[in-house]
Amino acid sequence: MSFIRCARTALAVRGAPLGQGRLLARGVSNESTPATKSAESSEIVAPAPPRDVMVAEAVSGAPEELRHRAVRIYQPTRNTMQSGAAKTERWRVDFDTMLSGGRWENPLMGWASSADYMQGTRVSFRSKEDAMHFAEKQGMFSTCVTQVRFLITVHTFQDGIIMCK
């Protein structure tokens, strides 16, 4: 139940006589008069004027270097090690690596290290539009990559023999 609905119910119960409070809270009345439409409800309501949408980058508190970062929006491919297609319907936002990411080779293990803490961050969304809206609202430059879906045709053993003749 939403907050507004709770507030309306509480105000309706508070204004009713003592015995009718529970009935009004449930939307039922004691009166036997039929409900009639009022003339006010048939009036056309004018739509609210459009407001300026505040982008989230202004109030998010994110560091300045993240605000105008390039991101890549894509749909991940199926894992080649398994036959399942799980997690391929979701859209993913990846942060591109920064050119000034401060890369170096770790002297102890020889691994490549980086000062870019966002390069390993991935965010998943249910649709492409949601991912693009997120990137736009955060003030990021987005590139959407769509993949070509190949239709896999099923061949039987007989098809291979017939083609060879």
N, C-alpha and C. Protein backbone atom coordinates (compact mmCIF):
# COMPACT_ATOMS: atom_id res chain seq x y z
N MET A 1 0.85 -1.16 0.00
CA MET A 1 0.00 0.00 0.00
C MET A 1 0.90 1.23 0.00
N SER A 2 0.60 2.18 -0.83
CA SER A 2 1.44 3.36 -0.94
C SER A 2 1.18 4.32 0.21
N PHE A 3 2.10 5.25 0.37
CA PHE A 3 2.00 6.23 1.44
C PHE A 3 0.79 7.13 1.25
N ILE A 4 0.52 7.52 0.02
CA ILE A 4 -0.61 8.41 -0.25
C ILE A 4 -1.92 7.71 0.06
N ARG A 5 -2.00 6.44 -0.28
CA ARG A 5 -3.21 5.68 0.00
C ARG A 5 -3.43 5.55 1.50
N CYS A 6 -2.36 5.31 2.27
CA CYS A 6 -2.47 5.22 3.72
C CYS A 6 -2.93 6.55 4.32
N ALA A 7 -2.39 7.65 3.79
CA ALA A 7 -2.77 8.96 4.30
C ALA A 7 -4.23 9.26 4.02
N ARG A 8 -4.71 8.93 2.82
CA ARG A 8 -6.12 9.15 2.49
C ARG A 8 -7.02 8.33 3.40
N THR A 9 -6.64 7.08 3.64
CA THR A 9 -7.44 6.21 4.49
C THR A 9 -7.48 6.76 5.91
N ALA A 10 -6.34 7.22 6.41
CA ALA A 10 -6.29 7.76 7.77
C ALA A 10 -7.13 9.02 7.89
N LEU A 11 -7.10 9.88 6.88
CA LEU A 11 -7.90 11.10 6.92
C LEU A 11 -9.39 10.78 6.83
N ALA A 12 -9.75 9.79 6.02
CA ALA A 12 -11.15 9.41 5.90
C ALA A 12 -11.66 8.81 7.21
N VAL A 13 -10.85 8.02 7.87
CA VAL A 13 -11.24 7.40 9.13
C VAL A 13 -11.34 8.46 10.22
N ARG A 14 -10.43 9.41 10.23
CA ARG A 14 -10.42 10.45 11.25
C ARG A 14 -11.65 11.35 11.16
N GLY A 15 -12.12 11.64 9.95
CA GLY A 15 -13.25 12.54 9.77
C GLY A 15 -14.60 11.86 9.94
N ALA A 16 -14.67 10.55 9.97
CA ALA A 16 -15.93 9.82 10.06
C ALA A 16 -16.37 9.71 11.52
N PRO A 17 -17.70 9.50 11.74
CA PRO A 17 -18.17 9.23 13.09
C PRO A 17 -17.53 7.95 13.62
N LEU A 18 -17.60 7.78 14.93
CA LEU A 18 -16.86 6.72 15.59
C LEU A 18 -17.18 5.33 15.05
N GLY A 19 -18.42 5.00 14.80
CA GLY A 19 -18.79 3.66 14.36
C GLY A 19 -18.47 3.38 12.90
N GLN A 20 -18.34 4.42 12.09
CA GLN A 20 -18.16 4.21 10.65
C GLN A 20 -16.70 4.19 10.22
N GLY A 21 -15.76 4.36 11.12
CA GLY A 21 -14.35 4.45 10.77
C GLY A 21 -13.82 3.21 10.07
N ARG A 22 -14.16 2.05 10.59
CA ARG A 22 -13.67 0.81 9.97
C ARG A 22 -14.29 0.58 8.61
N LEU A 23 -15.56 0.92 8.46
CA LEU A 23 -16.22 0.70 7.18
C LEU A 23 -15.64 1.62 6.11
N LEU A 24 -15.34 2.87 6.45
CA LEU A 24 -14.77 3.78 5.47
C LEU A 24 -13.36 3.38 5.10
N ALA A 25 -12.64 2.82 6.04
CA ALA A 25 -11.27 2.39 5.74
C ALA A 25 -11.27 1.27 4.71
N ARG A 26 -12.32 0.48 4.70
CA ARG A 26 -12.41 -0.61 3.73
C ARG A 26 -13.10 -0.19 2.44
N GLY A 27 -13.57 1.02 2.37
CA GLY A 27 -14.25 1.50 1.16
C GLY A 27 -15.73 1.16 1.16
N VAL A 28 -16.31 0.83 2.30
CA VAL A 28 -17.71 0.46 2.42
C VAL A 28 -18.39 1.50 3.29
N SER A 29 -19.62 1.85 2.96
CA SER A 29 -20.33 2.84 3.78
C SER A 29 -21.59 2.22 4.36
N ASN A 30 -22.11 2.86 5.42
CA ASN A 30 -23.34 2.42 6.06
C ASN A 30 -24.57 2.95 5.36
N GLU A 31 -24.41 3.98 4.57
CA GLU A 31 -25.56 4.63 3.96
C GLU A 31 -26.15 3.77 2.86
N SER A 32 -27.48 3.85 2.71
CA SER A 32 -28.16 3.05 1.70
C SER A 32 -28.36 3.82 0.40
N THR A 33 -27.87 5.04 0.31
CA THR A 33 -28.05 5.81 -0.92
C THR A 33 -27.07 5.32 -1.97
N PRO A 34 -27.52 5.20 -3.22
CA PRO A 34 -26.61 4.73 -4.26
C PRO A 34 -25.55 5.78 -4.58
N ALA A 35 -24.42 5.29 -4.98
CA ALA A 35 -23.33 6.20 -5.34
C ALA A 35 -23.64 6.88 -6.66
N THR A 36 -23.46 8.18 -6.72
CA THR A 36 -23.71 8.93 -7.95
C THR A 36 -22.43 9.64 -8.36
N LYS A 37 -22.30 9.84 -9.65
CA LYS A 37 -21.14 10.57 -10.15
C LYS A 37 -21.36 12.05 -9.94
N SER A 38 -20.33 12.70 -9.50
CA SER A 38 -20.45 14.15 -9.35
C SER A 38 -20.08 14.81 -10.66
N ALA A 39 -20.54 16.03 -10.83
CA ALA A 39 -20.27 16.76 -12.07
C ALA A 39 -18.81 17.16 -12.16
N GLU A 40 -18.14 17.27 -11.02
CA GLU A 40 -16.73 17.67 -11.02
C GLU A 40 -15.83 16.60 -11.61
N SER A 41 -16.17 15.34 -11.44
CA SER A 41 -15.29 14.26 -11.90
C SER A 41 -15.30 14.12 -13.42
N SER A 42 -16.33 14.67 -14.09
CA SER A 42 -16.39 14.54 -15.54
C SER A 42 -15.59 15.62 -16.26
N GLU A 43 -15.06 16.59 -15.52
CA GLU A 43 -14.28 17.65 -16.16
C GLU A 43 -12.94 17.10 -16.64
N ILE A 44 -12.45 17.69 -17.70
CA ILE A 44 -11.17 17.26 -18.26
C ILE A 44 -10.05 17.92 -17.45
N VAL A 45 -9.12 17.09 -17.04
CA VAL A 45 -8.00 17.59 -16.25
C VAL A 45 -6.87 17.95 -17.20
N ALA A 46 -6.35 19.15 -17.08
CA ALA A 46 -5.26 19.60 -17.94
C ALA A 46 -3.97 18.91 -17.50
N PRO A 47 -3.15 18.46 -18.47
CA PRO A 47 -1.90 17.80 -18.09
C PRO A 47 -0.93 18.80 -17.45
N ALA A 48 -0.08 18.28 -16.60
CA ALA A 48 0.90 19.13 -15.93
C ALA A 48 1.93 19.61 -16.94
N PRO A 49 2.39 20.83 -16.79
CA PRO A 49 3.40 21.34 -17.74
C PRO A 49 4.70 20.56 -17.60
N PRO A 50 5.42 20.36 -18.70
CA PRO A 50 6.68 19.60 -18.62
C PRO A 50 7.71 20.35 -17.78
N ARG A 51 8.44 19.58 -16.97
CA ARG A 51 9.46 20.17 -16.11
C ARG A 51 10.84 19.79 -16.63
N ASP A 52 11.81 20.58 -16.27
CA ASP A 52 13.18 20.24 -16.63
C ASP A 52 13.62 19.04 -15.80
N VAL A 53 14.15 18.03 -16.46
CA VAL A 53 14.61 16.83 -15.77
C VAL A 53 16.03 17.08 -15.29
N MET A 54 16.24 16.93 -14.00
CA MET A 54 17.58 17.11 -13.46
C MET A 54 18.35 15.82 -13.65
N VAL A 55 19.48 15.91 -14.29
CA VAL A 55 20.30 14.72 -14.49
C VAL A 55 20.91 14.32 -13.16
N ALA A 56 21.15 13.03 -13.01
CA ALA A 56 21.63 12.50 -11.75
C ALA A 56 23.07 12.90 -11.46
N GLU A 57 23.81 13.30 -12.49
CA GLU A 57 25.21 13.64 -12.27
C GLU A 57 25.35 14.84 -11.35
N ALA A 58 24.37 15.71 -11.31
CA ALA A 58 24.46 16.90 -10.47
C ALA A 58 24.31 16.58 -8.99
N VAL A 59 23.56 15.54 -8.66
CA VAL A 59 23.30 15.23 -7.26
C VAL A 59 23.85 13.88 -6.81
N SER A 60 24.52 13.15 -7.69
CA SER A 60 24.96 11.80 -7.35
C SER A 60 26.16 11.77 -6.42
N GLY A 61 26.99 12.80 -6.44
CA GLY A 61 28.17 12.81 -5.60
C GLY A 61 29.32 12.01 -6.18
N ALA A 62 29.20 11.60 -7.43
CA ALA A 62 30.27 10.83 -8.07
C ALA A 62 31.44 11.75 -8.39
N PRO A 63 32.65 11.21 -8.40
CA PRO A 63 33.81 12.04 -8.74
C PRO A 63 33.70 12.62 -10.15
N GLU A 64 34.38 13.72 -10.37
CA GLU A 64 34.32 14.43 -11.66
C GLU A 64 34.78 13.55 -12.82
N GLU A 65 35.78 12.69 -12.60
CA GLU A 65 36.30 11.88 -13.70
C GLU A 65 35.32 10.80 -14.15
N LEU A 66 34.30 10.51 -13.35
CA LEU A 66 33.30 9.52 -13.75
C LEU A 66 32.14 10.13 -14.52
N ARG A 67 31.97 11.41 -14.44
CA ARG A 67 30.78 12.04 -15.01
C ARG A 67 30.73 11.99 -16.52
N HIS A 68 31.83 12.18 -17.18
CA HIS A 68 31.83 12.20 -18.64
C HIS A 68 32.68 11.04 -19.16
N ARG A 69 32.42 9.88 -18.63
CA ARG A 69 33.17 8.68 -18.97
C ARG A 69 32.48 7.97 -20.13
N ALA A 70 33.25 7.31 -20.97
CA ALA A 70 32.68 6.55 -22.09
C ALA A 70 32.32 5.15 -21.60
N VAL A 71 31.10 4.71 -21.93
CA VAL A 71 30.65 3.37 -21.57
C VAL A 71 30.19 2.64 -22.82
N ARG A 72 30.23 1.32 -22.74
CA ARG A 72 29.80 0.48 -23.85
C ARG A 72 28.59 -0.32 -23.37
N ILE A 73 27.50 -0.26 -24.13
CA ILE A 73 26.28 -0.99 -23.81
C ILE A 73 26.16 -2.14 -24.79
N TYR A 74 26.06 -3.36 -24.27
CA TYR A 74 26.00 -4.53 -25.14
C TYR A 74 25.23 -5.65 -24.45
N GLN A 75 24.91 -6.66 -25.23
CA GLN A 75 24.25 -7.85 -24.73
C GLN A 75 25.29 -8.97 -24.77
N PRO A 76 25.62 -9.57 -23.62
CA PRO A 76 26.70 -10.57 -23.61
C PRO A 76 26.34 -11.80 -24.42
N THR A 77 27.37 -12.42 -24.97
CA THR A 77 27.18 -13.64 -25.75
C THR A 77 27.09 -14.84 -24.83
N ARG A 78 26.67 -15.93 -25.39
CA ARG A 78 26.56 -17.17 -24.63
C ARG A 78 27.96 -17.68 -24.30
N ASN A 79 28.10 -18.25 -23.12
CA ASN A 79 29.38 -18.83 -22.71
C ASN A 79 29.67 -20.04 -23.59
N THR A 80 30.84 -20.10 -24.19
CA THR A 80 31.16 -21.20 -25.11
C THR A 80 31.44 -22.50 -24.37
N MET A 81 31.66 -22.44 -23.09
CA MET A 81 31.95 -23.66 -22.33
C MET A 81 30.68 -24.39 -21.93
N GLN A 82 29.53 -23.75 -22.05
CA GLN A 82 28.29 -24.37 -21.64
C GLN A 82 27.25 -24.16 -22.73
N SER A 83 26.25 -25.02 -22.74
CA SER A 83 25.24 -24.93 -23.79
C SER A 83 24.06 -24.04 -23.39
N GLY A 84 23.98 -23.64 -22.14
CA GLY A 84 22.86 -22.81 -21.69
C GLY A 84 22.97 -21.38 -22.17
N ALA A 85 21.85 -20.72 -22.26
CA ALA A 85 21.82 -19.33 -22.71
C ALA A 85 21.42 -18.39 -21.58
N ALA A 86 21.73 -18.77 -20.34
CA ALA A 86 21.37 -17.92 -19.21
C ALA A 86 22.19 -16.64 -19.22
N LYS A 87 21.60 -15.59 -18.71
CA LYS A 87 22.22 -14.27 -18.59
C LYS A 87 22.56 -13.63 -19.93
N THR A 88 21.98 -14.10 -21.01
CA THR A 88 22.23 -13.46 -22.31
C THR A 88 21.11 -12.52 -22.70
N GLU A 89 20.00 -12.51 -21.96
CA GLU A 89 18.92 -11.59 -22.31
C GLU A 89 19.12 -10.22 -21.69
N ARG A 90 19.97 -10.12 -20.70
CA ARG A 90 20.20 -8.85 -20.02
C ARG A 90 21.20 -8.00 -20.80
N TRP A 91 21.11 -6.71 -20.62
CA TRP A 91 22.03 -5.76 -21.26
C TRP A 91 23.03 -5.30 -20.22
N ARG A 92 24.26 -5.13 -20.63
CA ARG A 92 25.34 -4.83 -19.72
C ARG A 92 26.00 -3.50 -20.09
N VAL A 93 26.38 -2.76 -19.07
CA VAL A 93 27.11 -1.50 -19.25
C VAL A 93 28.52 -1.72 -18.72
N ASP A 94 29.52 -1.58 -19.59
CA ASP A 94 30.93 -1.70 -19.23
C ASP A 94 31.60 -0.35 -19.36
N PHE A 95 32.45 -0.03 -18.42
CA PHE A 95 33.23 1.20 -18.49
C PHE A 95 34.47 0.92 -19.33
N ASP A 96 34.70 1.76 -20.33
CA ASP A 96 35.89 1.61 -21.16
C ASP A 96 37.12 1.96 -20.35
N THR A 97 38.26 1.38 -20.73
CA THR A 97 39.49 1.67 -20.01
C THR A 97 39.96 3.08 -20.35
N MET A 98 40.46 3.75 -19.35
CA MET A 98 40.95 5.11 -19.54
C MET A 98 42.35 5.07 -20.13
N LEU A 99 42.64 6.03 -21.00
CA LEU A 99 43.98 6.10 -21.57
C LEU A 99 45.00 6.49 -20.50
N SER A 100 44.58 7.33 -19.58
CA SER A 100 45.49 7.73 -18.50
C SER A 100 45.18 6.92 -17.24
N GLY A 101 45.01 5.62 -17.40
CA GLY A 101 44.63 4.77 -16.28
C GLY A 101 45.77 4.43 -15.36
N GLY A 102 47.00 4.83 -15.70
CA GLY A 102 48.13 4.55 -14.82
C GLY A 102 48.43 3.07 -14.75
N ARG A 103 48.70 2.43 -15.88
CA ARG A 103 48.98 0.99 -15.88
C ARG A 103 50.45 0.74 -15.56
N TRP A 104 50.70 -0.34 -14.84
CA TRP A 104 52.07 -0.76 -14.53
C TRP A 104 52.09 -2.26 -14.31
N GLU A 105 53.26 -2.81 -14.30
CA GLU A 105 53.43 -4.24 -14.06
C GLU A 105 53.81 -4.43 -12.60
N ASN A 106 53.08 -5.29 -11.92
CA ASN A 106 53.33 -5.56 -10.52
C ASN A 106 54.66 -6.29 -10.38
N PRO A 107 55.63 -5.76 -9.64
CA PRO A 107 56.95 -6.39 -9.59
C PRO A 107 56.98 -7.73 -8.87
N LEU A 108 56.06 -7.98 -7.96
CA LEU A 108 56.09 -9.23 -7.21
C LEU A 108 55.62 -10.41 -8.05
N MET A 109 54.47 -10.29 -8.69
CA MET A 109 53.89 -11.40 -9.44
C MET A 109 54.00 -11.22 -10.95
N GLY A 110 54.27 -10.02 -11.41
CA GLY A 110 54.34 -9.79 -12.84
C GLY A 110 52.99 -9.52 -13.47
N TRP A 111 51.96 -9.33 -12.65
CA TRP A 111 50.63 -9.06 -13.18
C TRP A 111 50.52 -7.61 -13.60
N ALA A 112 49.63 -7.35 -14.55
CA ALA A 112 49.38 -5.98 -14.98
C ALA A 112 48.41 -5.33 -13.99
N SER A 113 48.75 -4.15 -13.52
CA SER A 113 47.92 -3.43 -12.56
C SER A 113 47.47 -2.12 -13.17
N SER A 114 46.45 -1.53 -12.57
CA SER A 114 45.90 -0.29 -13.10
C SER A 114 45.35 0.55 -11.96
N ALA A 115 45.37 1.86 -12.14
CA ALA A 115 44.78 2.77 -11.17
C ALA A 115 43.32 3.07 -11.49
N ASP A 116 42.83 2.53 -12.61
CA ASP A 116 41.44 2.77 -13.02
C ASP A 116 40.55 1.77 -12.29
N TYR A 117 39.84 2.23 -11.27
CA TYR A 117 39.02 1.34 -10.46
C TYR A 117 37.68 1.01 -11.10
N MET A 118 37.31 1.68 -12.18
CA MET A 118 36.01 1.42 -12.81
C MET A 118 36.09 0.47 -13.99
N GLN A 119 37.28 0.05 -14.41
CA GLN A 119 37.37 -0.77 -15.60
C GLN A 119 36.80 -2.17 -15.39
N GLY A 120 36.75 -2.66 -14.18
CA GLY A 120 36.18 -3.97 -13.92
C GLY A 120 34.74 -3.94 -13.48
N THR A 121 34.13 -2.77 -13.47
CA THR A 121 32.75 -2.63 -13.01
C THR A 121 31.78 -2.88 -14.16
N ARG A 122 30.79 -3.75 -13.93
CA ARG A 122 29.75 -4.02 -14.91
C ARG A 122 28.40 -3.87 -14.24
N VAL A 123 27.50 -3.24 -14.94
CA VAL A 123 26.14 -3.03 -14.42
C VAL A 123 25.19 -3.68 -15.41
N SER A 124 24.22 -4.47 -14.91
CA SER A 124 23.27 -5.18 -15.78
C SER A 124 21.90 -4.51 -15.73
N PHE A 125 21.21 -4.55 -16.88
CA PHE A 125 19.86 -3.99 -17.01
C PHE A 125 18.98 -4.97 -17.77
N ARG A 126 17.68 -4.84 -17.60
CA ARG A 126 16.74 -5.73 -18.27
C ARG A 126 16.53 -5.39 -19.73
N SER A 127 16.70 -4.14 -20.11
CA SER A 127 16.49 -3.75 -21.51
C SER A 127 17.55 -2.75 -21.94
N LYS A 128 17.67 -2.61 -23.24
CA LYS A 128 18.64 -1.67 -23.81
C LYS A 128 18.25 -0.24 -23.46
N GLU A 129 16.96 0.04 -23.46
CA GLU A 129 16.50 1.39 -23.17
C GLU A 129 16.84 1.79 -21.73
N ASP A 130 16.72 0.83 -20.79
CA ASP A 130 17.07 1.12 -19.40
C ASP A 130 18.55 1.45 -19.28
N ALA A 131 19.39 0.70 -19.96
CA ALA A 131 20.84 0.93 -19.90
C ALA A 131 21.19 2.28 -20.52
N MET A 132 20.57 2.61 -21.65
CA MET A 132 20.86 3.89 -22.29
C MET A 132 20.36 5.06 -21.44
N HIS A 133 19.21 4.87 -20.79
CA HIS A 133 18.68 5.91 -19.91
C HIS A 133 19.60 6.14 -18.72
N PHE A 134 20.14 5.06 -18.16
CA PHE A 134 21.07 5.17 -17.03
C PHE A 134 22.32 5.95 -17.44
N ALA A 135 22.89 5.60 -18.58
CA ALA A 135 24.11 6.27 -19.03
C ALA A 135 23.84 7.75 -19.33
N GLU A 136 22.70 8.02 -19.93
CA GLU A 136 22.35 9.41 -20.25
C GLU A 136 22.14 10.23 -18.99
N LYS A 137 21.45 9.63 -18.02
CA LYS A 137 21.15 10.34 -16.78
C LYS A 137 22.41 10.59 -15.96
N GLN A 138 23.38 9.69 -16.04
CA GLN A 138 24.63 9.87 -15.30
C GLN A 138 25.60 10.78 -16.03
N GLY A 139 25.28 11.20 -17.25
CA GLY A 139 26.14 12.10 -18.00
C GLY A 139 27.28 11.39 -18.70
N MET A 140 27.12 10.11 -19.01
CA MET A 140 28.18 9.33 -19.65
C MET A 140 27.94 9.26 -21.15
N PHE A 141 29.02 9.12 -21.90
CA PHE A 141 28.93 8.94 -23.35
C PHE A 141 28.77 7.45 -23.61
N SER A 142 27.67 7.06 -24.24
CA SER A 142 27.41 5.63 -24.41
C SER A 142 27.52 5.23 -25.88
N THR A 143 28.00 4.01 -26.08
CA THR A 143 28.06 3.39 -27.39
C THR A 143 27.31 2.08 -27.28
N CYS A 144 26.26 1.92 -28.08
CA CYS A 144 25.45 0.71 -28.04
C CYS A 144 25.93 -0.24 -29.13
N VAL A 145 26.28 -1.46 -28.74
CA VAL A 145 26.77 -2.47 -29.67
C VAL A 145 25.70 -3.55 -29.78
N THR A 146 25.13 -3.70 -30.96
CA THR A 146 24.14 -4.75 -31.19
C THR A 146 24.81 -5.87 -31.97
N GLN A 147 24.49 -7.08 -31.61
CA GLN A 147 25.11 -8.23 -32.25
C GLN A 147 24.15 -8.86 -33.24
N VAL A 148 24.73 -9.45 -34.27
CA VAL A 148 23.94 -10.15 -35.27
C VAL A 148 23.66 -11.55 -34.72
N ARG A 149 22.40 -11.90 -34.68
CA ARG A 149 22.01 -13.23 -34.20
C ARG A 149 21.98 -14.20 -35.37
N PHE A 150 22.71 -15.27 -35.25
CA PHE A 150 22.72 -16.29 -36.28
C PHE A 150 21.71 -17.37 -35.95
N LEU A 151 21.01 -17.82 -36.98
CA LEU A 151 20.05 -18.89 -36.81
C LEU A 151 20.78 -20.21 -37.00
N ILE A 152 20.76 -21.04 -36.00
CA ILE A 152 21.45 -22.32 -36.06
C ILE A 152 20.50 -23.33 -36.68
N THR A 153 20.92 -23.90 -37.81
CA THR A 153 20.11 -24.92 -38.46
C THR A 153 20.56 -26.29 -37.99
N VAL A 154 19.61 -27.14 -37.74
CA VAL A 154 19.90 -28.47 -37.24
C VAL A 154 20.09 -29.41 -38.43
N HIS A 155 21.23 -30.07 -38.49
CA HIS A 155 21.52 -31.03 -39.54
C HIS A 155 21.55 -32.42 -38.94
N THR A 156 21.08 -33.36 -39.70
CA THR A 156 21.14 -34.75 -39.27
C THR A 156 22.25 -35.47 -40.03
N PHE A 157 22.50 -36.68 -39.68
CA PHE A 157 23.54 -37.47 -40.32
C PHE A 157 23.21 -37.67 -41.80
N GLN A 158 21.94 -37.83 -42.11
CA GLN A 158 21.53 -38.05 -43.50
C GLN A 158 21.81 -36.83 -44.37
N ASP A 159 21.67 -35.64 -43.82
CA ASP A 159 21.93 -34.43 -44.60
C ASP A 159 23.38 -34.39 -45.07
N GLY A 160 24.31 -34.83 -44.26
CA GLY A 160 25.71 -34.84 -44.65
C GLY A 160 25.99 -35.85 -45.75
N ILE A 161 25.33 -36.97 -45.71
CA ILE A 161 25.55 -38.00 -46.74
C ILE A 161 24.94 -37.56 -48.06
N ILE A 162 23.77 -36.96 -48.02
CA ILE A 162 23.10 -36.53 -49.25
C ILE A 162 23.90 -35.42 -49.92
N MET A 163 24.51 -34.52 -49.16
CA MET A 163 25.29 -33.43 -49.74
C MET A 163 26.57 -33.94 -50.40
N CYS A 164 27.11 -35.03 -49.93
CA CYS A 164 28.37 -35.54 -50.47
C CYS A 164 28.18 -36.19 -51.84
N LYS A 165 27.01 -36.64 -52.20
CA LYS A 165 26.79 -37.34 -53.47
C LYS A 165 26.71 -36.42 -54.62
